[in-house]
Amino acid sequence: MPTVFLPAAPPTVEVDGTLSRFPVHRIYCVGRNYAEHAREMGSDPSREPPFFFSKPADAIVPNNTEVPYPPRTQNFHYEVELVVAIGRGGCNIATARALEYVFGYAVGNDLTRRDLQKLAKEAGKPWDVSKGFDRSAPIAAIRPANSGGHIAGAAIWLKVNGELRQQANVADMIWSVPEIVAELSTLFELQPGDLIFTGTPAGVGALKVGDRIEAGIEGLESLTTTIC
C-alpha cells in the first residue's frame, strides 16, 4: 500500500571495526544506578528494582558531531553512560543467561534538561520532555561483545573542555548489566536493536554553547560532542 509520504530512514549506530550499522529499535534508560549520583540528586540509593524511562530512537546523535543547545531549558546537563546493545529478542530472561542477548557495548551521553526534570519530579509528572527531546542521545560506535568480551568493570569518565567532571567504574553500578537486562525483559519484550543506557556516575553538571564533551569507557571508542 502506498504511504502519504516517504518514511524517514531508521536510525543506526556504527559498529566498531566493521562497515555494518546497528539499526536502533528502542532506547531504554536506567535511572539512578550509581549510588553517588543518586545522592547528588537527592535520593537514597538502595537495591530496590531499577526504574526505567525511554528516549525515541531518532534521538541518536553520531560521534564527533554537534548538538544544538535545546530549547526551553536553562540547565542542560551531560551524563556519561555505558550503553548495552541488544542483539537477541526475548522476555522474562533469566539473569544467568542475560549476557547471551547482548550484542555489544558503547559509550553514550544521556543529555538532560535538568530544570524540566526537576519540575516534572516535583509535580509527579513523566520525564519525557526532560529526557526524550531531539538529539538527546549521543553515542559512539558499538563494540561487539564477540570481539572484545563483556564489560563488568571498566573506568568510565567525562571531560568538558578538557576538565575531568565524571570519573568512576562501571563496576560501581547498583544493578549490573545482566540484572538490568533481566529486569527490563519482565516489563517489555526486548528486540534486536534495543539500546539500554545503564545510568551515570556522580559529577553531572551544566553545559553551555561552545562546550566540547569527551566521554569514555575503558575498551570502547570514546565519544566527542560539541554544543552549538
N, C-alpha and C. Protein backbone atom coordinates (compact mmCIF):
# COMPACT_ATOMS: atom_id res chain seq x y z
N MET A 1 0.84 -1.19 0.00
CA MET A 1 0.00 0.00 0.00
C MET A 1 0.88 1.24 0.00
N PRO A 2 0.51 2.25 -0.80
CA PRO A 2 1.30 3.49 -0.80
C PRO A 2 1.12 4.25 0.50
N THR A 3 2.11 4.99 0.88
CA THR A 3 2.04 5.83 2.07
C THR A 3 1.91 7.29 1.65
N VAL A 4 1.45 8.13 2.56
CA VAL A 4 1.21 9.53 2.22
C VAL A 4 2.52 10.31 2.07
N PHE A 5 3.61 9.79 2.66
CA PHE A 5 4.93 10.37 2.45
C PHE A 5 5.97 9.29 2.71
N LEU A 6 7.18 9.50 2.24
CA LEU A 6 8.24 8.51 2.43
C LEU A 6 8.68 8.53 3.90
N PRO A 7 8.76 7.37 4.53
CA PRO A 7 9.19 7.34 5.93
C PRO A 7 10.66 7.70 6.05
N ALA A 8 11.02 8.24 7.21
CA ALA A 8 12.42 8.58 7.47
C ALA A 8 13.24 7.30 7.55
N ALA A 9 14.50 7.41 7.20
CA ALA A 9 15.40 6.27 7.33
C ALA A 9 15.54 5.90 8.80
N PRO A 10 15.56 4.62 9.12
CA PRO A 10 15.69 4.23 10.53
C PRO A 10 17.03 4.65 11.09
N PRO A 11 17.07 5.08 12.36
CA PRO A 11 18.34 5.46 12.97
C PRO A 11 19.24 4.24 13.13
N THR A 12 20.53 4.44 12.91
CA THR A 12 21.50 3.36 13.06
C THR A 12 22.73 3.88 13.80
N VAL A 13 23.51 2.95 14.35
CA VAL A 13 24.75 3.27 15.05
C VAL A 13 25.88 2.49 14.41
N GLU A 14 27.04 3.12 14.29
CA GLU A 14 28.21 2.46 13.74
C GLU A 14 28.62 1.26 14.61
N VAL A 15 29.07 0.20 13.96
CA VAL A 15 29.62 -0.96 14.66
C VAL A 15 31.13 -0.91 14.51
N ASP A 16 31.83 -0.82 15.61
CA ASP A 16 33.27 -0.61 15.62
C ASP A 16 34.00 -1.71 14.84
N GLY A 17 34.91 -1.29 13.96
CA GLY A 17 35.75 -2.24 13.23
C GLY A 17 35.09 -2.89 12.04
N THR A 18 33.88 -2.44 11.67
CA THR A 18 33.16 -3.02 10.54
C THR A 18 32.53 -1.91 9.71
N LEU A 19 31.97 -2.30 8.57
CA LEU A 19 31.19 -1.37 7.76
C LEU A 19 29.69 -1.50 8.06
N SER A 20 29.35 -2.37 8.98
CA SER A 20 27.95 -2.62 9.31
C SER A 20 27.39 -1.52 10.21
N ARG A 21 26.08 -1.42 10.23
CA ARG A 21 25.37 -0.48 11.10
C ARG A 21 24.40 -1.27 11.98
N PHE A 22 24.19 -0.76 13.19
CA PHE A 22 23.26 -1.37 14.15
C PHE A 22 21.95 -0.60 14.08
N PRO A 23 20.87 -1.20 13.56
CA PRO A 23 19.59 -0.48 13.48
C PRO A 23 18.93 -0.38 14.85
N VAL A 24 18.53 0.83 15.23
CA VAL A 24 18.00 1.07 16.57
C VAL A 24 16.49 0.86 16.59
N HIS A 25 16.03 0.04 17.51
CA HIS A 25 14.60 -0.22 17.69
C HIS A 25 14.03 0.72 18.75
N ARG A 26 14.52 0.60 19.98
CA ARG A 26 14.09 1.47 21.09
C ARG A 26 15.30 1.84 21.93
N ILE A 27 15.16 2.92 22.70
CA ILE A 27 16.18 3.33 23.66
C ILE A 27 15.56 3.33 25.05
N TYR A 28 16.07 2.45 25.91
CA TYR A 28 15.67 2.42 27.30
C TYR A 28 16.79 3.01 28.16
N CYS A 29 16.44 3.62 29.28
CA CYS A 29 17.44 4.22 30.17
C CYS A 29 17.13 3.82 31.61
N VAL A 30 18.20 3.62 32.38
CA VAL A 30 18.07 3.27 33.79
C VAL A 30 18.33 4.51 34.63
N GLY A 31 17.48 4.77 35.60
CA GLY A 31 17.65 5.93 36.46
C GLY A 31 18.39 5.59 37.74
N ARG A 32 19.26 6.50 38.18
CA ARG A 32 19.94 6.42 39.48
C ARG A 32 20.57 5.06 39.73
N ASN A 33 21.51 4.66 38.88
CA ASN A 33 22.14 3.35 39.00
C ASN A 33 23.55 3.40 39.58
N TYR A 34 24.00 4.59 39.99
CA TYR A 34 25.25 4.73 40.73
C TYR A 34 24.91 5.43 42.04
N ALA A 35 25.40 4.88 43.16
CA ALA A 35 25.00 5.39 44.48
C ALA A 35 25.34 6.86 44.65
N GLU A 36 26.56 7.26 44.26
CA GLU A 36 26.96 8.65 44.47
C GLU A 36 26.12 9.62 43.63
N HIS A 37 25.74 9.21 42.42
CA HIS A 37 24.88 10.07 41.60
C HIS A 37 23.49 10.17 42.22
N ALA A 38 22.98 9.05 42.75
CA ALA A 38 21.67 9.09 43.42
C ALA A 38 21.70 10.09 44.57
N ARG A 39 22.80 10.08 45.32
CA ARG A 39 22.91 11.01 46.45
C ARG A 39 22.98 12.46 45.98
N GLU A 40 23.74 12.71 44.89
CA GLU A 40 23.85 14.10 44.43
C GLU A 40 22.53 14.62 43.87
N MET A 41 21.63 13.70 43.49
CA MET A 41 20.32 14.09 43.00
C MET A 41 19.27 14.09 44.12
N GLY A 42 19.73 13.89 45.35
CA GLY A 42 18.83 13.98 46.50
C GLY A 42 18.08 12.72 46.83
N SER A 43 18.57 11.55 46.34
CA SER A 43 17.89 10.29 46.60
C SER A 43 18.75 9.40 47.50
N ASP A 44 18.12 8.41 48.08
CA ASP A 44 18.81 7.45 48.93
C ASP A 44 19.00 6.17 48.13
N PRO A 45 20.24 5.84 47.70
CA PRO A 45 20.45 4.66 46.87
C PRO A 45 20.14 3.38 47.64
N SER A 46 19.57 2.42 46.95
CA SER A 46 19.22 1.16 47.58
C SER A 46 19.19 0.09 46.51
N ARG A 47 18.88 -1.12 46.92
CA ARG A 47 18.77 -2.22 45.98
C ARG A 47 17.32 -2.47 45.59
N GLU A 48 16.49 -1.44 45.60
CA GLU A 48 15.16 -1.58 45.04
C GLU A 48 15.30 -1.85 43.54
N PRO A 49 14.29 -2.48 42.91
CA PRO A 49 14.38 -2.73 41.47
C PRO A 49 14.67 -1.45 40.70
N PRO A 50 15.50 -1.52 39.67
CA PRO A 50 15.80 -0.31 38.88
C PRO A 50 14.55 0.22 38.21
N PHE A 51 14.52 1.53 37.98
CA PHE A 51 13.39 2.08 37.22
C PHE A 51 13.89 2.57 35.88
N PHE A 52 12.97 2.61 34.93
CA PHE A 52 13.34 2.87 33.54
C PHE A 52 12.54 4.04 32.97
N PHE A 53 13.15 4.73 32.03
CA PHE A 53 12.47 5.70 31.19
C PHE A 53 13.00 5.50 29.78
N SER A 54 12.53 6.25 28.82
CA SER A 54 12.93 5.98 27.44
C SER A 54 13.18 7.28 26.67
N LYS A 55 13.87 7.11 25.56
CA LYS A 55 14.09 8.16 24.59
C LYS A 55 13.65 7.62 23.23
N PRO A 56 13.22 8.49 22.31
CA PRO A 56 12.89 7.99 20.98
C PRO A 56 14.14 7.54 20.25
N ALA A 57 13.99 6.56 19.37
CA ALA A 57 15.14 6.03 18.63
C ALA A 57 15.84 7.12 17.82
N ASP A 58 15.08 8.08 17.32
CA ASP A 58 15.70 9.12 16.48
C ASP A 58 16.36 10.23 17.29
N ALA A 59 16.48 10.03 18.64
CA ALA A 59 17.27 10.95 19.45
C ALA A 59 18.77 10.67 19.31
N ILE A 60 19.12 9.59 18.61
CA ILE A 60 20.52 9.20 18.41
C ILE A 60 21.30 10.32 17.71
N VAL A 61 22.52 10.57 18.22
CA VAL A 61 23.46 11.51 17.60
C VAL A 61 24.77 10.77 17.40
N PRO A 62 25.33 10.75 16.20
CA PRO A 62 26.59 10.03 15.97
C PRO A 62 27.78 10.73 16.62
N ASN A 63 28.86 10.01 16.70
CA ASN A 63 30.09 10.52 17.29
C ASN A 63 30.66 11.67 16.47
N ASN A 64 31.38 12.56 17.15
CA ASN A 64 32.11 13.67 16.50
C ASN A 64 31.20 14.61 15.72
N THR A 65 30.04 14.92 16.31
CA THR A 65 29.12 15.87 15.69
C THR A 65 28.69 16.92 16.71
N GLU A 66 27.93 17.90 16.24
CA GLU A 66 27.44 18.98 17.08
C GLU A 66 26.01 18.70 17.53
N VAL A 67 25.70 19.17 18.73
CA VAL A 67 24.34 19.09 19.28
C VAL A 67 23.88 20.51 19.60
N PRO A 68 22.79 20.97 19.01
CA PRO A 68 22.29 22.30 19.34
C PRO A 68 21.82 22.36 20.79
N TYR A 69 22.09 23.48 21.46
CA TYR A 69 21.56 23.68 22.80
C TYR A 69 20.03 23.65 22.71
N PRO A 70 19.36 22.77 23.47
CA PRO A 70 17.92 22.58 23.27
C PRO A 70 17.09 23.74 23.80
N PRO A 71 15.88 23.91 23.27
CA PRO A 71 15.00 24.98 23.73
C PRO A 71 14.38 24.66 25.10
N ARG A 72 13.81 25.68 25.71
CA ARG A 72 13.01 25.58 26.94
C ARG A 72 13.81 25.06 28.13
N THR A 73 15.12 25.33 28.17
CA THR A 73 15.91 24.93 29.33
C THR A 73 16.99 25.97 29.60
N GLN A 74 17.29 26.13 30.87
CA GLN A 74 18.41 26.96 31.30
C GLN A 74 19.43 26.12 32.08
N ASN A 75 19.23 24.81 32.09
CA ASN A 75 20.09 23.92 32.88
C ASN A 75 20.23 22.59 32.14
N PHE A 76 21.11 22.56 31.16
CA PHE A 76 21.29 21.45 30.22
C PHE A 76 22.49 20.62 30.67
N HIS A 77 22.27 19.33 31.01
CA HIS A 77 23.30 18.52 31.65
C HIS A 77 23.80 17.37 30.78
N TYR A 78 25.06 16.97 31.03
CA TYR A 78 25.67 15.77 30.47
C TYR A 78 25.51 14.62 31.46
N GLU A 79 25.52 13.38 30.96
CA GLU A 79 25.52 12.17 31.80
C GLU A 79 26.17 11.05 31.00
N VAL A 80 27.44 10.75 31.24
CA VAL A 80 28.10 9.67 30.53
C VAL A 80 27.55 8.33 31.02
N GLU A 81 27.36 7.38 30.08
CA GLU A 81 26.77 6.10 30.46
C GLU A 81 27.31 4.97 29.57
N LEU A 82 27.40 3.78 30.17
CA LEU A 82 27.62 2.56 29.39
C LEU A 82 26.31 2.21 28.71
N VAL A 83 26.37 1.98 27.39
CA VAL A 83 25.19 1.60 26.62
C VAL A 83 25.31 0.13 26.23
N VAL A 84 24.25 -0.62 26.47
CA VAL A 84 24.18 -2.03 26.11
C VAL A 84 23.32 -2.16 24.85
N ALA A 85 23.86 -2.81 23.83
CA ALA A 85 23.12 -3.05 22.58
C ALA A 85 22.60 -4.48 22.57
N ILE A 86 21.30 -4.63 22.40
CA ILE A 86 20.66 -5.94 22.43
C ILE A 86 20.65 -6.56 21.03
N GLY A 87 21.07 -7.82 20.95
CA GLY A 87 21.15 -8.49 19.65
C GLY A 87 20.17 -9.63 19.47
N ARG A 88 19.50 -10.05 20.56
CA ARG A 88 18.50 -11.12 20.50
C ARG A 88 17.27 -10.68 21.24
N GLY A 89 16.11 -11.04 20.73
CA GLY A 89 14.87 -10.69 21.39
C GLY A 89 14.50 -11.70 22.46
N GLY A 90 13.71 -11.23 23.44
CA GLY A 90 13.24 -12.15 24.46
C GLY A 90 12.53 -11.43 25.59
N CYS A 91 11.81 -12.19 26.38
CA CYS A 91 11.14 -11.64 27.56
C CYS A 91 11.33 -12.61 28.72
N ASN A 92 11.20 -12.10 29.93
CA ASN A 92 11.40 -12.90 31.13
C ASN A 92 12.73 -13.67 31.08
N ILE A 93 13.78 -12.92 30.75
CA ILE A 93 15.11 -13.51 30.59
C ILE A 93 15.72 -13.74 31.97
N ALA A 94 16.31 -14.89 32.18
CA ALA A 94 16.99 -15.19 33.44
C ALA A 94 18.29 -14.39 33.53
N THR A 95 18.58 -13.89 34.72
CA THR A 95 19.81 -13.12 34.90
C THR A 95 21.03 -13.91 34.46
N ALA A 96 21.05 -15.19 34.75
CA ALA A 96 22.21 -16.03 34.41
C ALA A 96 22.43 -16.15 32.91
N ARG A 97 21.40 -15.88 32.10
CA ARG A 97 21.53 -16.00 30.64
C ARG A 97 21.47 -14.65 29.94
N ALA A 98 21.37 -13.58 30.69
CA ALA A 98 21.11 -12.27 30.09
C ALA A 98 22.20 -11.83 29.12
N LEU A 99 23.46 -12.15 29.40
CA LEU A 99 24.54 -11.70 28.51
C LEU A 99 24.46 -12.36 27.14
N GLU A 100 23.74 -13.47 27.01
CA GLU A 100 23.56 -14.11 25.71
C GLU A 100 22.76 -13.22 24.75
N TYR A 101 22.05 -12.24 25.30
CA TYR A 101 21.20 -11.37 24.50
C TYR A 101 21.90 -10.06 24.14
N VAL A 102 23.12 -9.87 24.63
CA VAL A 102 23.85 -8.63 24.41
C VAL A 102 24.71 -8.73 23.14
N PHE A 103 24.48 -7.81 22.22
CA PHE A 103 25.31 -7.73 21.01
C PHE A 103 26.63 -7.04 21.29
N GLY A 104 26.59 -5.95 22.06
CA GLY A 104 27.81 -5.21 22.30
C GLY A 104 27.58 -4.02 23.21
N TYR A 105 28.60 -3.14 23.26
CA TYR A 105 28.62 -2.03 24.21
C TYR A 105 29.13 -0.76 23.55
N ALA A 106 28.69 0.38 24.07
CA ALA A 106 29.13 1.67 23.54
C ALA A 106 29.11 2.71 24.65
N VAL A 107 29.75 3.84 24.37
CA VAL A 107 29.70 4.99 25.26
C VAL A 107 28.55 5.89 24.82
N GLY A 108 27.70 6.30 25.75
CA GLY A 108 26.60 7.20 25.44
C GLY A 108 26.56 8.38 26.38
N ASN A 109 25.80 9.39 26.01
CA ASN A 109 25.61 10.58 26.84
C ASN A 109 24.11 10.84 26.92
N ASP A 110 23.56 10.65 28.11
CA ASP A 110 22.12 10.86 28.35
C ASP A 110 21.90 12.35 28.62
N LEU A 111 21.82 13.15 27.57
CA LEU A 111 21.62 14.59 27.73
C LEU A 111 20.26 14.87 28.37
N THR A 112 20.25 15.85 29.28
CA THR A 112 19.08 16.06 30.14
C THR A 112 18.79 17.54 30.32
N ARG A 113 17.52 17.92 30.15
CA ARG A 113 17.08 19.27 30.53
C ARG A 113 16.73 19.20 32.02
N ARG A 114 17.73 19.47 32.87
CA ARG A 114 17.61 19.21 34.30
C ARG A 114 16.51 20.04 34.96
N ASP A 115 16.35 21.28 34.53
CA ASP A 115 15.30 22.11 35.14
C ASP A 115 13.91 21.56 34.84
N LEU A 116 13.71 21.06 33.62
CA LEU A 116 12.41 20.47 33.29
C LEU A 116 12.21 19.15 34.02
N GLN A 117 13.30 18.41 34.23
CA GLN A 117 13.20 17.17 35.01
C GLN A 117 12.80 17.48 36.44
N LYS A 118 13.40 18.51 37.02
CA LYS A 118 13.08 18.89 38.41
C LYS A 118 11.60 19.26 38.55
N LEU A 119 11.09 20.04 37.60
CA LEU A 119 9.69 20.42 37.64
C LEU A 119 8.79 19.19 37.52
N ALA A 120 9.17 18.25 36.64
CA ALA A 120 8.37 17.03 36.48
C ALA A 120 8.37 16.20 37.76
N LYS A 121 9.54 16.05 38.37
CA LYS A 121 9.62 15.30 39.63
C LYS A 121 8.73 15.92 40.70
N GLU A 122 8.81 17.23 40.84
CA GLU A 122 8.05 17.91 41.88
C GLU A 122 6.55 17.78 41.67
N ALA A 123 6.14 17.70 40.39
CA ALA A 123 4.71 17.60 40.08
C ALA A 123 4.25 16.15 39.90
N GLY A 124 5.18 15.19 40.05
CA GLY A 124 4.83 13.80 39.85
C GLY A 124 4.45 13.48 38.42
N LYS A 125 5.07 14.18 37.48
CA LYS A 125 4.75 14.00 36.06
C LYS A 125 5.86 13.22 35.34
N PRO A 126 5.58 12.69 34.15
CA PRO A 126 6.60 11.94 33.40
C PRO A 126 7.80 12.81 33.03
N TRP A 127 8.91 12.15 32.72
CA TRP A 127 10.16 12.83 32.41
C TRP A 127 10.36 13.08 30.92
N ASP A 128 9.38 12.78 30.08
CA ASP A 128 9.59 12.76 28.63
C ASP A 128 10.27 14.02 28.09
N VAL A 129 9.78 15.20 28.47
CA VAL A 129 10.33 16.42 27.87
C VAL A 129 11.72 16.74 28.39
N SER A 130 12.10 16.16 29.53
CA SER A 130 13.43 16.42 30.08
C SER A 130 14.47 15.43 29.58
N LYS A 131 14.03 14.28 29.09
CA LYS A 131 14.95 13.22 28.69
C LYS A 131 14.82 12.83 27.22
N GLY A 132 13.62 12.89 26.67
CA GLY A 132 13.38 12.34 25.33
C GLY A 132 13.29 13.36 24.23
N PHE A 133 14.02 14.46 24.36
CA PHE A 133 13.94 15.52 23.35
C PHE A 133 14.86 15.21 22.17
N ASP A 134 14.79 16.04 21.15
CA ASP A 134 15.58 15.83 19.93
C ASP A 134 17.08 15.84 20.24
N ARG A 135 17.81 14.90 19.64
CA ARG A 135 19.27 14.82 19.72
C ARG A 135 19.77 14.72 21.17
N SER A 136 19.05 13.96 21.96
CA SER A 136 19.40 13.81 23.38
C SER A 136 20.20 12.55 23.68
N ALA A 137 20.62 11.81 22.64
CA ALA A 137 21.29 10.54 22.90
C ALA A 137 22.54 10.37 22.03
N PRO A 138 23.58 11.18 22.22
CA PRO A 138 24.84 10.93 21.52
C PRO A 138 25.40 9.56 21.89
N ILE A 139 25.99 8.89 20.90
CA ILE A 139 26.53 7.55 21.13
C ILE A 139 27.71 7.30 20.20
N ALA A 140 28.75 6.65 20.72
CA ALA A 140 29.90 6.26 19.92
C ALA A 140 29.63 4.89 19.28
N ALA A 141 30.60 4.39 18.54
CA ALA A 141 30.45 3.09 17.87
C ALA A 141 30.27 1.97 18.89
N ILE A 142 29.47 0.99 18.51
CA ILE A 142 29.23 -0.18 19.35
C ILE A 142 30.35 -1.19 19.12
N ARG A 143 30.98 -1.61 20.20
CA ARG A 143 31.97 -2.67 20.11
C ARG A 143 31.29 -4.01 20.39
N PRO A 144 31.29 -4.93 19.39
CA PRO A 144 30.63 -6.22 19.61
C PRO A 144 31.25 -7.00 20.77
N ALA A 145 30.40 -7.68 21.53
CA ALA A 145 30.89 -8.47 22.65
C ALA A 145 31.74 -9.64 22.18
N ASN A 146 31.45 -10.14 20.97
CA ASN A 146 32.21 -11.30 20.49
C ASN A 146 33.62 -10.94 20.04
N SER A 147 33.94 -9.65 20.01
CA SER A 147 35.29 -9.25 19.64
C SER A 147 36.06 -8.64 20.81
N GLY A 148 35.37 -8.26 21.86
CA GLY A 148 36.06 -7.63 22.98
C GLY A 148 35.60 -8.09 24.35
N GLY A 149 34.64 -9.01 24.37
CA GLY A 149 34.14 -9.51 25.64
C GLY A 149 33.11 -8.60 26.28
N HIS A 150 32.55 -9.06 27.37
CA HIS A 150 31.55 -8.29 28.10
C HIS A 150 32.22 -7.36 29.09
N ILE A 151 31.52 -6.30 29.45
CA ILE A 151 32.07 -5.29 30.35
C ILE A 151 31.41 -5.41 31.71
N ALA A 152 32.21 -5.77 32.71
CA ALA A 152 31.71 -5.84 34.08
C ALA A 152 32.42 -4.84 34.97
N GLY A 153 33.63 -4.46 34.60
CA GLY A 153 34.38 -3.46 35.35
C GLY A 153 35.31 -2.72 34.40
N ALA A 154 35.13 -1.43 34.28
CA ALA A 154 35.95 -0.60 33.39
C ALA A 154 35.81 0.84 33.84
N ALA A 155 36.89 1.60 33.70
CA ALA A 155 36.86 3.01 34.05
C ALA A 155 35.89 3.75 33.13
N ILE A 156 35.12 4.66 33.71
CA ILE A 156 34.18 5.50 32.97
C ILE A 156 34.44 6.95 33.36
N TRP A 157 34.45 7.85 32.37
CA TRP A 157 34.83 9.24 32.66
C TRP A 157 34.20 10.19 31.64
N LEU A 158 34.17 11.46 32.00
CA LEU A 158 33.69 12.50 31.09
C LEU A 158 34.45 13.79 31.38
N LYS A 159 34.85 14.50 30.30
CA LYS A 159 35.52 15.78 30.40
C LYS A 159 34.72 16.83 29.64
N VAL A 160 34.72 18.04 30.15
CA VAL A 160 34.15 19.19 29.45
C VAL A 160 35.27 20.19 29.25
N ASN A 161 35.57 20.48 27.98
CA ASN A 161 36.67 21.39 27.63
C ASN A 161 37.98 20.97 28.30
N GLY A 162 38.21 19.66 28.34
CA GLY A 162 39.44 19.11 28.88
C GLY A 162 39.46 18.94 30.39
N GLU A 163 38.44 19.41 31.09
CA GLU A 163 38.37 19.30 32.55
C GLU A 163 37.57 18.07 32.96
N LEU A 164 38.17 17.19 33.77
CA LEU A 164 37.50 15.98 34.21
C LEU A 164 36.31 16.31 35.11
N ARG A 165 35.13 15.83 34.73
CA ARG A 165 33.91 16.10 35.51
C ARG A 165 33.32 14.84 36.14
N GLN A 166 33.42 13.71 35.45
CA GLN A 166 32.90 12.46 35.98
C GLN A 166 33.98 11.39 35.89
N GLN A 167 34.10 10.58 36.93
CA GLN A 167 35.09 9.52 36.95
C GLN A 167 34.63 8.44 37.92
N ALA A 168 34.52 7.21 37.43
CA ALA A 168 34.08 6.10 38.26
C ALA A 168 34.46 4.80 37.55
N ASN A 169 33.81 3.72 37.93
CA ASN A 169 33.99 2.43 37.29
C ASN A 169 32.62 1.81 37.09
N VAL A 170 32.39 1.16 35.96
CA VAL A 170 31.07 0.58 35.73
C VAL A 170 30.76 -0.52 36.74
N ALA A 171 31.79 -1.04 37.42
CA ALA A 171 31.55 -2.00 38.49
C ALA A 171 30.81 -1.36 39.67
N ASP A 172 30.78 -0.02 39.71
CA ASP A 172 30.09 0.70 40.78
C ASP A 172 28.57 0.75 40.58
N MET A 173 28.09 0.26 39.44
CA MET A 173 26.65 0.30 39.21
C MET A 173 25.91 -0.50 40.27
N ILE A 174 24.80 0.03 40.75
CA ILE A 174 23.99 -0.67 41.73
C ILE A 174 23.44 -1.96 41.12
N TRP A 175 22.95 -1.85 39.88
CA TRP A 175 22.43 -3.01 39.14
C TRP A 175 23.36 -3.30 37.98
N SER A 176 23.82 -4.54 37.87
CA SER A 176 24.74 -4.95 36.82
C SER A 176 24.01 -5.08 35.48
N VAL A 177 24.80 -5.21 34.41
CA VAL A 177 24.20 -5.37 33.09
C VAL A 177 23.27 -6.58 33.04
N PRO A 178 23.68 -7.78 33.50
CA PRO A 178 22.73 -8.90 33.45
C PRO A 178 21.45 -8.65 34.23
N GLU A 179 21.57 -8.01 35.39
CA GLU A 179 20.37 -7.72 36.19
C GLU A 179 19.46 -6.72 35.50
N ILE A 180 20.05 -5.72 34.85
CA ILE A 180 19.25 -4.73 34.13
C ILE A 180 18.50 -5.37 32.97
N VAL A 181 19.21 -6.18 32.17
CA VAL A 181 18.58 -6.84 31.02
C VAL A 181 17.45 -7.75 31.49
N ALA A 182 17.70 -8.52 32.54
CA ALA A 182 16.68 -9.44 33.04
C ALA A 182 15.45 -8.68 33.55
N GLU A 183 15.67 -7.64 34.34
CA GLU A 183 14.54 -6.88 34.88
C GLU A 183 13.75 -6.18 33.77
N LEU A 184 14.45 -5.56 32.83
CA LEU A 184 13.76 -4.87 31.74
C LEU A 184 12.93 -5.84 30.92
N SER A 185 13.41 -7.07 30.76
CA SER A 185 12.69 -8.06 29.95
C SER A 185 11.42 -8.56 30.62
N THR A 186 11.21 -8.23 31.90
CA THR A 186 9.94 -8.56 32.54
C THR A 186 8.89 -7.48 32.29
N LEU A 187 9.34 -6.32 31.80
CA LEU A 187 8.44 -5.21 31.53
C LEU A 187 8.14 -5.04 30.05
N PHE A 188 9.12 -5.37 29.21
CA PHE A 188 9.00 -5.25 27.76
C PHE A 188 9.58 -6.50 27.10
N GLU A 189 9.06 -6.86 25.94
CA GLU A 189 9.71 -7.89 25.14
C GLU A 189 10.87 -7.24 24.41
N LEU A 190 12.09 -7.54 24.82
CA LEU A 190 13.25 -6.93 24.19
C LEU A 190 13.38 -7.40 22.75
N GLN A 191 13.88 -6.50 21.91
CA GLN A 191 14.01 -6.78 20.49
C GLN A 191 15.44 -6.51 20.03
N PRO A 192 15.92 -7.22 19.01
CA PRO A 192 17.21 -6.85 18.43
C PRO A 192 17.16 -5.39 17.99
N GLY A 193 18.17 -4.63 18.35
CA GLY A 193 18.17 -3.20 18.03
C GLY A 193 17.86 -2.32 19.21
N ASP A 194 17.47 -2.90 20.33
CA ASP A 194 17.24 -2.09 21.53
C ASP A 194 18.58 -1.64 22.11
N LEU A 195 18.60 -0.42 22.64
CA LEU A 195 19.74 0.12 23.36
C LEU A 195 19.33 0.40 24.79
N ILE A 196 20.22 0.11 25.74
CA ILE A 196 19.95 0.39 27.15
C ILE A 196 21.06 1.27 27.70
N PHE A 197 20.72 2.52 28.04
CA PHE A 197 21.64 3.41 28.75
C PHE A 197 21.56 3.03 30.23
N THR A 198 22.69 2.67 30.82
CA THR A 198 22.66 1.98 32.12
C THR A 198 22.85 2.87 33.33
N GLY A 199 22.81 4.18 33.18
CA GLY A 199 22.95 5.08 34.32
C GLY A 199 24.29 5.77 34.34
N THR A 200 24.35 6.87 35.09
CA THR A 200 25.55 7.72 35.10
C THR A 200 26.13 7.84 36.50
N PRO A 201 27.46 7.97 36.61
CA PRO A 201 28.06 8.22 37.93
C PRO A 201 27.89 9.66 38.37
N ALA A 202 28.38 9.97 39.55
CA ALA A 202 28.29 11.32 40.09
C ALA A 202 29.11 12.29 39.26
N GLY A 203 28.78 13.58 39.41
CA GLY A 203 29.54 14.63 38.73
C GLY A 203 28.82 15.29 37.59
N VAL A 204 27.51 15.03 37.44
CA VAL A 204 26.76 15.65 36.35
C VAL A 204 26.76 17.17 36.54
N GLY A 205 26.63 17.89 35.43
CA GLY A 205 26.66 19.33 35.51
C GLY A 205 26.19 19.99 34.22
N ALA A 206 26.16 21.31 34.25
CA ALA A 206 25.57 22.08 33.17
C ALA A 206 26.54 22.27 32.01
N LEU A 207 25.94 22.40 30.82
CA LEU A 207 26.66 22.68 29.59
C LEU A 207 26.24 24.03 29.04
N LYS A 208 27.12 24.61 28.21
CA LYS A 208 26.79 25.86 27.53
C LYS A 208 27.25 25.77 26.08
N VAL A 209 26.78 26.68 25.28
CA VAL A 209 27.16 26.70 23.86
C VAL A 209 28.68 26.84 23.75
N GLY A 210 29.27 26.02 22.89
CA GLY A 210 30.71 26.02 22.69
C GLY A 210 31.45 24.95 23.46
N ASP A 211 30.78 24.31 24.43
CA ASP A 211 31.44 23.26 25.22
C ASP A 211 31.74 22.04 24.36
N ARG A 212 32.90 21.45 24.62
CA ARG A 212 33.31 20.20 23.95
C ARG A 212 33.33 19.10 25.00
N ILE A 213 32.53 18.07 24.77
CA ILE A 213 32.40 16.98 25.73
C ILE A 213 33.12 15.76 25.19
N GLU A 214 34.02 15.21 25.99
CA GLU A 214 34.69 13.95 25.67
C GLU A 214 34.31 12.95 26.74
N ALA A 215 33.83 11.79 26.33
CA ALA A 215 33.39 10.78 27.27
C ALA A 215 33.98 9.44 26.87
N GLY A 216 34.32 8.63 27.86
CA GLY A 216 34.94 7.36 27.53
C GLY A 216 34.69 6.28 28.56
N ILE A 217 34.84 5.05 28.10
CA ILE A 217 34.82 3.86 28.95
C ILE A 217 35.96 2.97 28.47
N GLU A 218 36.73 2.47 29.38
CA GLU A 218 37.88 1.66 29.05
C GLU A 218 37.51 0.53 28.08
N GLY A 219 38.23 0.46 26.95
CA GLY A 219 38.00 -0.59 25.97
C GLY A 219 37.02 -0.25 24.88
N LEU A 220 36.38 0.92 24.96
CA LEU A 220 35.39 1.32 23.96
C LEU A 220 35.84 2.61 23.27
N GLU A 221 35.29 2.85 22.07
CA GLU A 221 35.56 4.10 21.37
C GLU A 221 35.04 5.27 22.19
N SER A 222 35.85 6.30 22.34
CA SER A 222 35.42 7.50 23.07
C SER A 222 34.41 8.30 22.26
N LEU A 223 33.60 9.07 22.96
CA LEU A 223 32.53 9.87 22.37
C LEU A 223 32.86 11.35 22.52
N THR A 224 32.82 12.07 21.41
CA THR A 224 33.10 13.51 21.41
C THR A 224 31.90 14.26 20.82
N THR A 225 31.44 15.26 21.54
CA THR A 225 30.29 16.06 21.11
C THR A 225 30.57 17.52 21.42
N THR A 226 30.12 18.41 20.54
CA THR A 226 30.25 19.84 20.78
C THR A 226 28.86 20.48 20.81
N ILE A 227 28.63 21.35 21.78
CA ILE A 227 27.33 22.03 21.90
C ILE A 227 27.38 23.31 21.06
N CYS A 228 26.41 23.47 20.19
CA CYS A 228 26.40 24.64 19.30
C CYS A 228 25.13 25.47 19.49
